[in-house]
Amino acid sequence: MLCGALVAIIATLAPNLSHAKTPTMTQPGSLWAAWIAARTYNPQFREARARLAATRTKHPAALAALLPRLSLDADRLYTNAWSVGPEFYGSSLLTVEQSENTSQSYWTVTLTQPLFDWSAIEKLDAANADAAAAVATYAATRMTLIQTLVKRYLAVRVAQAQLSAIQKAQEAFAIEATQAHDRHRAGVRGIIGFEEARSAEASAQAQVIGARRALRHALSALTELTGPSFLARLSRRAQALPLIPFPPLTRREWIHEAQRTNPTVLAARLRARAAHAQVSAARGGYWPSVRLQLSHTRDLTGGTYGYAVPGVLDLPAPAANTAQQNLILLNLHWNFYAGGGTGASVDRAEDEADLARGQSERAALRSRTVAEEALSSLHADFAEVRAYEESALAAHRAVVATEDGVKAGLRSEFDLVNARLSLLSAETHLPTVHAALINDTLALESSAGLLTPVSLLELSRLLEHPPSTSAR
């Protein structure tokens, strides 16, 4: 069911991937281009990748404690010694002189295989859980970056659209003021209509300044994620944001998936599993360990020995000797008492396991809350979008009708100013609610763990090539 829902989400966002073209994916100023820049520039994302790479080394390090080990020890010893002193030689005490000038080569090859080590077994399980948790944390970090990037990118698009709408309104008020002034000079109308239009034009000029300031703030916030180089490629377009369809699945299914497949929840559960394994590993300190060791030793000696009794004996001899040894060792190690260290390790591991278990439960509750809030917000967003779309359409018709009424002398310039202000209000609010709809949709997909770069690519295409009619 979930796989079908994911396919439906991707299918409704944009055309099929098989029809994608590379220029569309990397179009300058597109959302996908912003994502490519953020992946490289954003330090939080780079940190997540580095942490993932570092955590992956825990598995081979823990596995090594259970695999056989082969080691080689080699020594080369040179000895040059001389001594003289009294010793009994037969029944007499004579002075004996001894000397040694030898070289000795010694090496041992040892193969060690752990047969049973409960702590090592549980630490391997903990390492596997930690590595899986790092993967889930990376996915959660990536989803967070995608959400933040889309939110800031849409803020730029909204600011551009609002600035464009205000500038058009300013131009319309300027034209209306000129026409009202001409009618006043011709004696057709009074001065009040001209003053109203000129006041509206001045107000629009002030709004243009505010809109430009808002656009600069939005661009600055986006730069924090993408770096300043992306702004040079950001297209300055003010086209309307598309209306994306309501995601599939029921409310119950979304909440279920939010508690089951959310990467943050998965990472917390895996960390709890790793902490539980660490408790078992700490308790392994009470259990014996068994290992098998095979070794082969060889000793090669060369040189000369000297043994002399002045006036009686002078016996130099070669020191040629070869020796080898093969050992098989079965070792049982049982630590009966460790000064309380094992008990302290178990207590600390249990406390950390309780903490991880609580964090896991809190993550699941938080994910459920986010999914419920996103679903509620989406229902409100769709209703608000439809209301503002109808308001903008009605306001546009009202402007056209009022313009005709002013030309026919049936309506005043004051009525036309109010109609244009209503249209401006609808046109400036519509991009905001469209952006809120997209952001809440991504928040819902993120709560279920469905938000991936593929989703971002589809959204980027939809923003660059919106459908001819809004999806209802």
Protein backbone atom coordinates (compact mmCIF):
# COMPACT_ATOMS: atom_id res chain seq x y z
CA MET A 1 0.00 0.00 0.00
CA LEU A 2 2.76 2.44 0.93
CA CYS A 3 4.77 1.74 -2.22
CA GLY A 4 1.68 2.39 -4.33
CA ALA A 5 1.07 5.64 -2.48
CA LEU A 6 4.64 6.78 -3.05
CA VAL A 7 4.32 6.05 -6.76
CA ALA A 8 1.08 8.01 -6.83
CA ILE A 9 2.68 11.00 -5.12
CA ILE A 10 5.57 11.08 -7.57
CA ALA A 11 3.27 10.52 -10.54
CA THR A 12 1.00 13.41 -9.59
CA LEU A 13 3.79 15.88 -9.01
CA ALA A 14 5.23 15.88 -12.53
CA PRO A 15 5.73 13.92 -15.77
CA ASN A 16 7.36 10.53 -15.77
CA LEU A 17 11.09 10.34 -15.08
CA SER A 18 11.66 8.65 -18.42
CA HIS A 19 10.72 11.90 -20.18
CA ALA A 20 13.14 14.00 -18.12
CA LYS A 21 15.87 15.95 -19.83
CA THR A 22 19.15 16.90 -18.27
CA PRO A 23 18.81 20.64 -19.07
CA THR A 24 15.53 20.68 -17.11
CA MET A 25 17.16 19.12 -14.06
CA THR A 26 20.03 21.59 -13.97
CA GLN A 27 18.32 24.69 -15.28
CA PRO A 28 19.99 27.75 -13.68
CA GLY A 29 17.94 29.15 -10.83
CA SER A 30 15.75 26.05 -10.52
CA LEU A 31 14.98 24.30 -7.25
CA TRP A 32 17.06 21.31 -8.35
CA ALA A 33 20.05 23.57 -9.04
CA ALA A 34 19.60 25.00 -5.54
CA TRP A 35 19.65 21.46 -4.12
CA ILE A 36 22.88 20.64 -5.97
CA ALA A 37 24.46 23.79 -4.54
CA ALA A 38 23.17 23.08 -1.01
CA ARG A 39 24.52 19.51 -1.01
CA THR A 40 28.01 20.86 -1.53
CA TYR A 41 27.83 24.07 0.47
CA ASN A 42 25.69 23.32 3.53
CA PRO A 43 27.94 22.35 6.49
CA GLN A 44 25.18 20.48 8.32
CA PHE A 45 24.71 18.16 5.37
CA ARG A 46 28.46 17.62 5.00
CA GLU A 47 28.64 16.82 8.72
CA ALA A 48 25.87 14.23 8.36
CA ARG A 49 27.72 12.55 5.51
CA ALA A 50 30.97 12.50 7.51
CA ARG A 51 29.17 11.07 10.56
CA LEU A 52 27.63 8.38 8.39
CA ALA A 53 31.03 7.43 6.97
CA ALA A 54 32.56 7.35 10.46
CA THR A 55 29.77 5.21 11.92
CA ARG A 56 30.09 2.63 9.17
CA THR A 57 33.54 1.71 10.53
CA LYS A 58 31.95 0.42 13.75
CA HIS A 59 30.78 -2.78 12.07
CA PRO A 60 34.16 -4.03 10.79
CA ALA A 61 35.80 -2.98 14.08
CA ALA A 62 33.29 -5.01 16.12
CA LEU A 63 33.38 -7.95 13.69
CA ALA A 64 37.17 -8.14 14.00
CA ALA A 65 36.81 -9.24 17.64
CA LEU A 66 35.08 -12.45 16.44
CA LEU A 67 37.28 -13.27 13.46
CA PRO A 68 40.56 -15.22 13.58
CA ARG A 69 43.75 -13.26 14.12
CA LEU A 70 47.10 -14.15 12.60
CA SER A 71 50.21 -12.52 14.03
CA LEU A 72 53.96 -12.79 13.52
CA ASP A 73 56.62 -11.96 16.10
CA ALA A 74 60.27 -11.94 14.96
CA ASP A 75 63.50 -11.10 16.81
CA ARG A 76 67.17 -10.92 15.88
CA LEU A 77 69.59 -11.07 18.81
CA TYR A 78 73.36 -10.50 18.76
CA THR A 79 75.42 -11.53 21.81
CA ASN A 80 79.10 -10.72 22.47
CA ALA A 81 80.01 -11.67 26.06
CA TRP A 82 83.19 -12.56 28.02
CA SER A 83 83.66 -13.58 31.64
CA VAL A 84 86.48 -14.91 33.86
CA GLY A 85 86.35 -16.27 37.41
CA PRO A 86 87.21 -19.19 39.71
CA GLU A 87 85.33 -22.44 39.27
CA PHE A 88 85.88 -25.99 40.53
CA TYR A 89 87.54 -28.04 37.87
CA GLY A 90 87.62 -31.59 39.15
CA SER A 91 88.81 -31.23 42.76
CA SER A 92 90.72 -28.00 42.24
CA LEU A 93 89.60 -24.38 42.08
CA LEU A 94 90.86 -22.95 38.82
CA THR A 95 90.38 -19.75 36.92
CA VAL A 96 87.93 -20.30 34.04
CA GLU A 97 87.51 -18.01 31.10
CA GLN A 98 84.24 -18.08 29.02
CA SER A 99 83.22 -16.19 25.90
CA GLU A 100 80.22 -16.03 23.57
CA ASN A 101 79.88 -14.46 20.13
CA THR A 102 76.53 -15.55 18.68
CA SER A 103 73.55 -14.41 16.63
CA GLN A 104 70.04 -15.73 17.17
CA SER A 105 66.95 -15.51 14.95
CA TYR A 106 63.64 -16.13 16.67
CA TRP A 107 60.10 -15.95 15.15
CA THR A 108 56.63 -17.14 16.09
CA VAL A 109 53.46 -17.37 13.99
CA THR A 110 50.27 -17.41 16.07
CA LEU A 111 46.69 -18.03 14.96
CA THR A 112 44.02 -17.09 17.53
CA GLN A 113 40.32 -17.83 17.08
CA PRO A 114 37.73 -16.71 19.66
CA LEU A 115 35.30 -19.57 20.22
CA PHE A 116 32.92 -17.80 22.60
CA ASP A 117 32.87 -14.14 23.68
CA TRP A 118 29.42 -12.86 24.60
CA SER A 119 30.52 -9.24 24.94
CA ALA A 120 32.02 -9.24 21.44
CA ILE A 121 28.85 -10.81 19.98
CA GLU A 122 26.59 -8.18 21.53
CA LYS A 123 28.93 -5.35 20.60
CA LEU A 124 28.68 -6.49 16.98
CA ASP A 125 24.87 -6.29 17.23
CA ALA A 126 25.17 -2.82 18.74
CA ALA A 127 27.54 -1.73 15.97
CA ASN A 128 25.11 -2.93 13.31
CA ALA A 129 22.29 -1.01 14.98
CA ASP A 130 24.46 2.11 15.25
CA ALA A 131 25.35 1.90 11.56
CA ALA A 132 21.68 1.52 10.60
CA ALA A 133 20.78 4.42 12.89
CA ALA A 134 23.40 6.57 11.16
CA VAL A 135 21.82 5.78 7.79
CA ALA A 136 18.39 6.76 9.12
CA THR A 137 19.81 9.92 10.71
CA TYR A 138 21.41 10.83 7.40
CA ALA A 139 18.06 10.38 5.65
CA ALA A 140 16.35 12.52 8.29
CA THR A 141 19.00 15.23 7.94
CA ARG A 142 18.59 15.15 4.18
CA MET A 143 14.82 15.51 4.50
CA THR A 144 15.24 18.42 6.89
CA LEU A 145 17.58 20.14 4.46
CA ILE A 146 15.13 19.54 1.59
CA GLN A 147 12.27 21.03 3.60
CA THR A 148 14.31 24.05 4.64
CA LEU A 149 15.62 24.55 1.12
CA VAL A 150 12.14 24.37 -0.43
CA LYS A 151 10.73 26.74 2.18
CA ARG A 152 13.43 29.35 1.55
CA TYR A 153 13.35 28.86 -2.22
CA LEU A 154 9.58 29.32 -2.26
CA ALA A 155 9.98 32.40 -0.06
CA VAL A 156 12.10 33.91 -2.85
CA ARG A 157 9.53 32.94 -5.47
CA VAL A 158 6.74 34.40 -3.34
CA ALA A 159 8.67 37.62 -2.78
CA GLN A 160 9.31 37.88 -6.53
CA ALA A 161 5.63 37.31 -7.33
CA GLN A 162 4.49 39.85 -4.74
CA LEU A 163 6.97 42.44 -5.98
CA SER A 164 5.76 41.92 -9.54
CA ALA A 165 2.11 42.26 -8.49
CA ILE A 166 2.79 45.45 -6.54
CA GLN A 167 4.79 46.94 -9.41
CA LYS A 168 1.93 46.20 -11.82
CA ALA A 169 -0.52 47.78 -9.39
CA GLN A 170 1.72 50.83 -9.10
CA GLU A 171 1.77 51.18 -12.87
CA ALA A 172 -2.02 50.79 -12.98
CA PHE A 173 -2.48 53.46 -10.29
CA ALA A 174 -0.14 55.79 -12.19
CA ILE A 175 -2.17 55.35 -15.37
CA GLU A 176 -5.39 55.85 -13.43
CA ALA A 177 -4.02 59.02 -11.81
CA THR A 178 -3.06 60.39 -15.22
CA GLN A 179 -6.50 59.60 -16.63
CA ALA A 180 -8.24 61.09 -13.59
CA HIS A 181 -6.14 64.22 -13.92
CA ASP A 182 -7.06 64.52 -17.60
CA ARG A 183 -10.76 64.11 -16.77
CA HIS A 184 -10.45 66.77 -14.07
CA ARG A 185 -8.78 69.23 -16.43
CA ALA A 186 -11.50 68.56 -18.99
CA GLY A 187 -14.10 69.35 -16.32
CA VAL A 188 -15.67 65.91 -16.44
CA ARG A 189 -14.76 64.92 -12.87
CA GLY A 190 -13.62 66.56 -9.69
CA ILE A 191 -10.19 66.57 -8.11
CA ILE A 192 -11.10 63.89 -5.52
CA GLY A 193 -10.65 60.98 -7.95
CA PHE A 194 -7.23 62.23 -8.98
CA GLU A 195 -6.12 62.57 -5.36
CA GLU A 196 -7.34 59.06 -4.55
CA ALA A 197 -5.46 57.57 -7.48
CA ARG A 198 -2.31 59.52 -6.69
CA SER A 199 -2.49 58.46 -3.02
CA ALA A 200 -2.86 54.82 -4.10
CA GLU A 201 0.16 55.20 -6.39
CA ALA A 202 2.27 56.62 -3.55
CA SER A 203 1.17 53.79 -1.26
CA ALA A 204 2.11 51.25 -3.94
CA GLN A 205 5.54 52.87 -4.26
CA ALA A 206 6.09 52.36 -0.53
CA GLN A 207 4.92 48.75 -0.86
CA VAL A 208 7.41 48.21 -3.69
CA ILE A 209 10.22 49.30 -1.36
CA GLY A 210 8.99 46.89 1.31
CA ALA A 211 8.63 44.08 -1.23
CA ARG A 212 12.18 44.60 -2.44
CA ARG A 213 13.41 44.48 1.13
CA ALA A 214 11.49 41.23 1.71
CA LEU A 215 13.02 39.80 -1.47
CA ARG A 216 16.53 40.68 -0.27
CA HIS A 217 15.86 38.97 3.07
CA ALA A 218 14.55 35.86 1.29
CA LEU A 219 17.59 35.76 -0.98
CA SER A 220 19.90 36.15 2.02
CA ALA A 221 18.21 33.25 3.85
CA LEU A 222 18.52 31.06 0.75
CA THR A 223 22.22 31.99 0.44
CA GLU A 224 22.87 30.46 3.88
CA LEU A 225 22.03 27.06 2.37
CA THR A 226 23.26 27.31 -1.21
CA GLY A 227 26.18 29.73 -0.97
CA PRO A 228 26.46 33.09 -2.72
CA SER A 229 27.40 31.57 -6.09
CA PHE A 230 23.87 30.24 -6.59
CA LEU A 231 22.28 33.71 -6.50
CA ALA A 232 24.05 34.64 -9.71
CA ARG A 233 22.20 31.79 -11.43
CA LEU A 234 18.82 32.41 -9.77
CA SER A 235 16.26 33.30 -12.39
CA ARG A 236 14.24 36.40 -11.71
CA ARG A 237 10.81 35.13 -12.66
CA ALA A 238 7.52 35.84 -10.97
CA GLN A 239 5.25 33.17 -12.41
CA ALA A 240 2.47 31.79 -10.23
CA LEU A 241 3.22 28.79 -8.05
CA PRO A 242 1.33 25.64 -9.14
CA LEU A 243 -1.35 23.95 -7.06
CA ILE A 244 -0.20 20.41 -6.32
CA PRO A 245 -2.73 17.61 -5.69
CA PHE A 246 -3.66 16.35 -2.25
CA PRO A 247 -1.39 13.40 -1.31
CA PRO A 248 -3.00 9.92 -1.32
CA LEU A 249 -3.49 7.63 1.67
CA THR A 250 -5.98 8.11 4.46
CA ARG A 251 -5.38 10.00 7.68
CA ARG A 252 -4.97 6.74 9.59
CA GLU A 253 -2.45 5.42 7.05
CA TRP A 254 -0.37 8.61 7.17
CA ILE A 255 -0.21 8.53 10.96
CA HIS A 256 0.65 4.81 10.91
CA GLU A 257 3.49 5.37 8.44
CA ALA A 258 4.71 8.40 10.40
CA GLN A 259 5.23 6.17 13.45
CA ARG A 260 6.69 3.28 11.45
CA THR A 261 8.88 4.60 8.62
CA ASN A 262 9.90 8.09 9.71
CA PRO A 263 13.75 8.14 9.60
CA THR A 264 14.00 10.03 12.88
CA VAL A 265 11.81 7.42 14.57
CA LEU A 266 13.76 4.60 12.95
CA ALA A 267 17.07 6.13 14.06
CA ALA A 268 15.79 6.49 17.65
CA ARG A 269 14.57 2.88 17.71
CA LEU A 270 17.85 1.63 16.31
CA ARG A 271 19.79 3.60 18.89
CA ALA A 272 17.57 2.06 21.58
CA ARG A 273 18.33 -1.37 20.14
CA ALA A 274 22.06 -0.60 20.17
CA ALA A 275 21.82 0.58 23.78
CA HIS A 276 20.05 -2.65 24.75
CA ALA A 277 22.81 -4.65 23.05
CA GLN A 278 25.40 -2.65 25.00
CA VAL A 279 23.64 -3.70 28.23
CA SER A 280 23.96 -7.33 27.19
CA ALA A 281 27.58 -6.73 26.22
CA ALA A 282 28.30 -5.22 29.64
CA ARG A 283 26.70 -8.22 31.33
CA GLY A 284 29.00 -10.40 29.22
CA GLY A 285 31.72 -9.38 31.65
CA TYR A 286 30.27 -11.94 34.05
CA TRP A 287 30.52 -14.73 31.49
CA PRO A 288 33.60 -16.76 30.50
CA SER A 289 35.31 -16.45 27.15
CA VAL A 290 36.95 -19.29 25.26
CA ARG A 291 39.64 -19.00 22.62
CA LEU A 292 41.80 -21.38 20.62
CA GLN A 293 45.42 -20.52 19.84
CA LEU A 294 47.82 -22.28 17.46
CA SER A 295 51.48 -21.22 17.32
CA HIS A 296 54.64 -22.29 15.56
CA THR A 297 58.04 -21.14 16.91
CA ARG A 298 61.47 -21.48 15.35
CA ASP A 299 64.85 -20.56 16.91
CA LEU A 300 68.09 -20.39 14.79
CA THR A 301 71.41 -19.75 16.57
CA GLY A 302 74.86 -19.30 15.03
CA GLY A 303 78.35 -18.19 16.16
CA THR A 304 80.89 -19.60 18.67
CA TYR A 305 81.17 -20.38 22.36
CA GLY A 306 84.55 -20.32 24.18
CA TYR A 307 85.54 -22.21 27.37
CA ALA A 308 89.16 -22.10 28.64
CA VAL A 309 91.19 -22.96 31.74
CA PRO A 310 94.64 -21.34 31.49
CA GLY A 311 97.32 -23.99 31.05
CA VAL A 312 94.79 -26.81 31.12
CA LEU A 313 91.99 -26.42 28.52
CA ASP A 314 91.08 -24.17 25.64
CA LEU A 315 87.89 -25.37 23.91
CA PRO A 316 86.21 -23.14 21.31
CA ALA A 317 82.97 -24.61 19.91
CA PRO A 318 80.48 -23.60 17.23
CA ALA A 319 77.13 -22.35 18.54
CA ALA A 320 75.00 -23.82 15.75
CA ASN A 321 71.54 -24.73 17.00
CA THR A 322 68.07 -25.08 15.44
CA ALA A 323 64.91 -25.54 17.48
CA GLN A 324 61.19 -25.41 16.67
CA GLN A 325 58.02 -25.77 18.66
CA ASN A 326 54.31 -26.23 17.86
CA LEU A 327 51.69 -25.33 20.49
CA ILE A 328 47.92 -25.79 20.71
CA LEU A 329 46.31 -23.72 23.45
CA LEU A 330 42.66 -23.85 24.52
CA ASN A 331 42.10 -20.92 26.87
CA LEU A 332 39.17 -20.36 29.23
CA HIS A 333 39.01 -16.94 30.86
CA TRP A 334 36.44 -16.27 33.56
CA ASN A 335 36.57 -13.00 35.45
CA PHE A 336 34.95 -13.81 38.81
CA TYR A 337 35.60 -10.44 40.40
CA ALA A 338 36.59 -7.14 38.77
CA GLY A 339 36.41 -4.78 41.74
CA GLY A 340 32.85 -3.78 40.86
CA GLY A 341 33.80 -2.54 37.40
CA THR A 342 31.49 -4.95 35.58
CA GLY A 343 28.51 -4.01 37.73
CA ALA A 344 29.16 -0.31 37.17
CA SER A 345 29.37 -0.87 33.42
CA VAL A 346 26.04 -2.72 33.47
CA ASP A 347 24.36 0.04 35.48
CA ARG A 348 25.64 2.74 33.14
CA ALA A 349 24.53 0.77 30.07
CA GLU A 350 21.05 0.23 31.57
CA ASP A 351 20.67 3.96 32.26
CA GLU A 352 21.68 4.77 28.71
CA ALA A 353 19.24 2.14 27.41
CA ASP A 354 16.41 3.73 29.42
CA LEU A 355 17.32 7.11 27.97
CA ALA A 356 17.38 5.77 24.41
CA ARG A 357 14.05 4.01 24.93
CA GLY A 358 12.47 7.25 26.14
CA GLN A 359 13.90 9.17 23.18
CA SER A 360 12.47 6.55 20.83
CA GLU A 361 8.98 6.89 22.31
CA ARG A 362 9.20 10.68 22.19
CA ALA A 363 10.30 10.59 18.53
CA ALA A 364 7.32 8.42 17.61
CA LEU A 365 4.90 10.77 19.38
CA ARG A 366 6.52 13.79 17.76
CA SER A 367 6.27 12.20 14.32
CA ARG A 368 2.58 11.45 14.88
CA THR A 369 1.98 15.05 15.94
CA VAL A 370 3.77 16.42 12.88
CA ALA A 371 1.72 14.19 10.57
CA GLU A 372 -1.56 15.23 12.20
CA GLU A 373 -0.63 18.92 12.06
CA ALA A 374 0.45 18.64 8.41
CA LEU A 375 -2.82 16.88 7.46
CA SER A 376 -4.90 19.52 9.24
CA SER A 377 -2.89 22.31 7.64
CA LEU A 378 -3.28 20.76 4.18
CA HIS A 379 -7.06 20.73 4.42
CA ALA A 380 -7.00 24.38 5.46
CA ASP A 381 -4.45 25.22 2.74
CA PHE A 382 -6.56 23.77 -0.06
CA ALA A 383 -9.63 25.65 1.16
CA GLU A 384 -7.63 28.88 1.48
CA VAL A 385 -6.07 28.48 -1.97
CA ARG A 386 -9.46 28.00 -3.59
CA ALA A 387 -10.85 30.99 -1.71
CA TYR A 388 -7.99 33.27 -2.80
CA GLU A 389 -8.10 32.00 -6.38
CA GLU A 390 -11.79 32.81 -6.55
CA SER A 391 -11.15 36.13 -4.81
CA ALA A 392 -8.42 37.05 -7.32
CA LEU A 393 -10.64 36.08 -10.25
CA ALA A 394 -13.57 38.06 -8.85
CA ALA A 395 -11.32 41.03 -8.08
CA HIS A 396 -9.94 41.00 -11.63
CA ARG A 397 -13.46 40.99 -13.06
CA ALA A 398 -14.42 43.78 -10.67
CA VAL A 399 -11.47 45.89 -11.90
CA VAL A 400 -12.47 45.39 -15.53
CA ALA A 401 -16.10 46.20 -14.79
CA THR A 402 -15.18 49.26 -12.72
CA GLU A 403 -12.87 50.53 -15.46
CA ASP A 404 -15.77 50.29 -17.91
CA GLY A 405 -18.02 52.03 -15.38
CA VAL A 406 -15.54 54.88 -14.93
CA LYS A 407 -15.31 55.37 -18.69
CA ALA A 408 -19.10 55.43 -18.92
CA GLY A 409 -19.36 57.86 -16.01
CA LEU A 410 -21.28 55.37 -13.87
CA ARG A 411 -18.49 54.65 -11.37
CA SER A 412 -15.95 56.89 -9.65
CA GLU A 413 -12.16 56.72 -9.56
CA PHE A 414 -12.50 55.94 -5.86
CA ASP A 415 -14.37 52.72 -6.74
CA LEU A 416 -11.63 51.79 -9.20
CA VAL A 417 -8.92 52.35 -6.58
CA ASN A 418 -10.72 50.09 -4.13
CA ALA A 419 -11.18 47.42 -6.81
CA ARG A 420 -7.48 47.50 -7.64
CA LEU A 421 -6.57 47.30 -3.94
CA SER A 422 -8.77 44.23 -3.55
CA LEU A 423 -7.09 42.64 -6.56
CA LEU A 424 -3.63 43.48 -5.20
CA SER A 425 -4.50 41.94 -1.82
CA ALA A 426 -5.63 38.71 -3.46
CA GLU A 427 -2.63 38.54 -5.81
CA THR A 428 -0.10 39.11 -2.98
CA HIS A 429 -1.71 36.55 -0.67
CA LEU A 430 -2.20 33.83 -3.29
CA PRO A 431 1.56 32.97 -3.68
CA THR A 432 1.86 32.77 0.10
CA VAL A 433 -0.91 30.19 0.46
CA HIS A 434 0.40 28.25 -2.55
CA ALA A 435 3.84 28.09 -0.87
CA ALA A 436 2.24 27.04 2.43
CA LEU A 437 0.41 24.24 0.60
CA ILE A 438 3.67 22.94 -0.90
CA ASN A 439 5.54 23.20 2.40
CA ASP A 440 2.81 21.38 4.33
CA THR A 441 2.72 18.65 1.66
CA LEU A 442 6.46 18.13 2.04
CA ALA A 443 6.09 18.11 5.83
CA LEU A 444 3.51 15.35 5.54
CA GLU A 445 5.69 13.29 3.18
CA SER A 446 8.67 13.87 5.47
CA SER A 447 6.74 12.63 8.50
CA ALA A 448 6.23 9.31 6.68
CA GLY A 449 9.81 9.16 5.38
CA LEU A 450 8.74 9.59 1.73
CA LEU A 451 10.56 12.84 1.02
CA THR A 452 13.64 12.11 -1.13
CA PRO A 453 15.70 13.95 -3.77
CA VAL A 454 13.45 12.29 -6.37
CA SER A 455 10.48 14.13 -4.85
CA LEU A 456 12.50 17.34 -4.95
CA LEU A 457 13.35 16.79 -8.62
CA GLU A 458 9.69 16.30 -9.49
CA LEU A 459 8.72 19.44 -7.57
CA SER A 460 11.47 21.37 -9.36
CA ARG A 461 10.06 20.32 -12.74
CA LEU A 462 6.57 21.26 -11.66
CA LEU A 463 7.76 24.72 -10.58
CA GLU A 464 9.59 25.23 -13.89
CA HIS A 465 6.77 23.83 -16.08
CA PRO A 466 3.46 24.20 -14.22
CA PRO A 467 0.39 22.55 -15.73
CA SER A 468 -1.97 24.65 -17.81
CA THR A 469 -4.75 24.20 -15.26
CA SER A 470 -4.54 23.83 -11.50
CA ALA A 471 -5.09 20.40 -10.07
CA ARG A 472 -8.20 20.21 -7.95
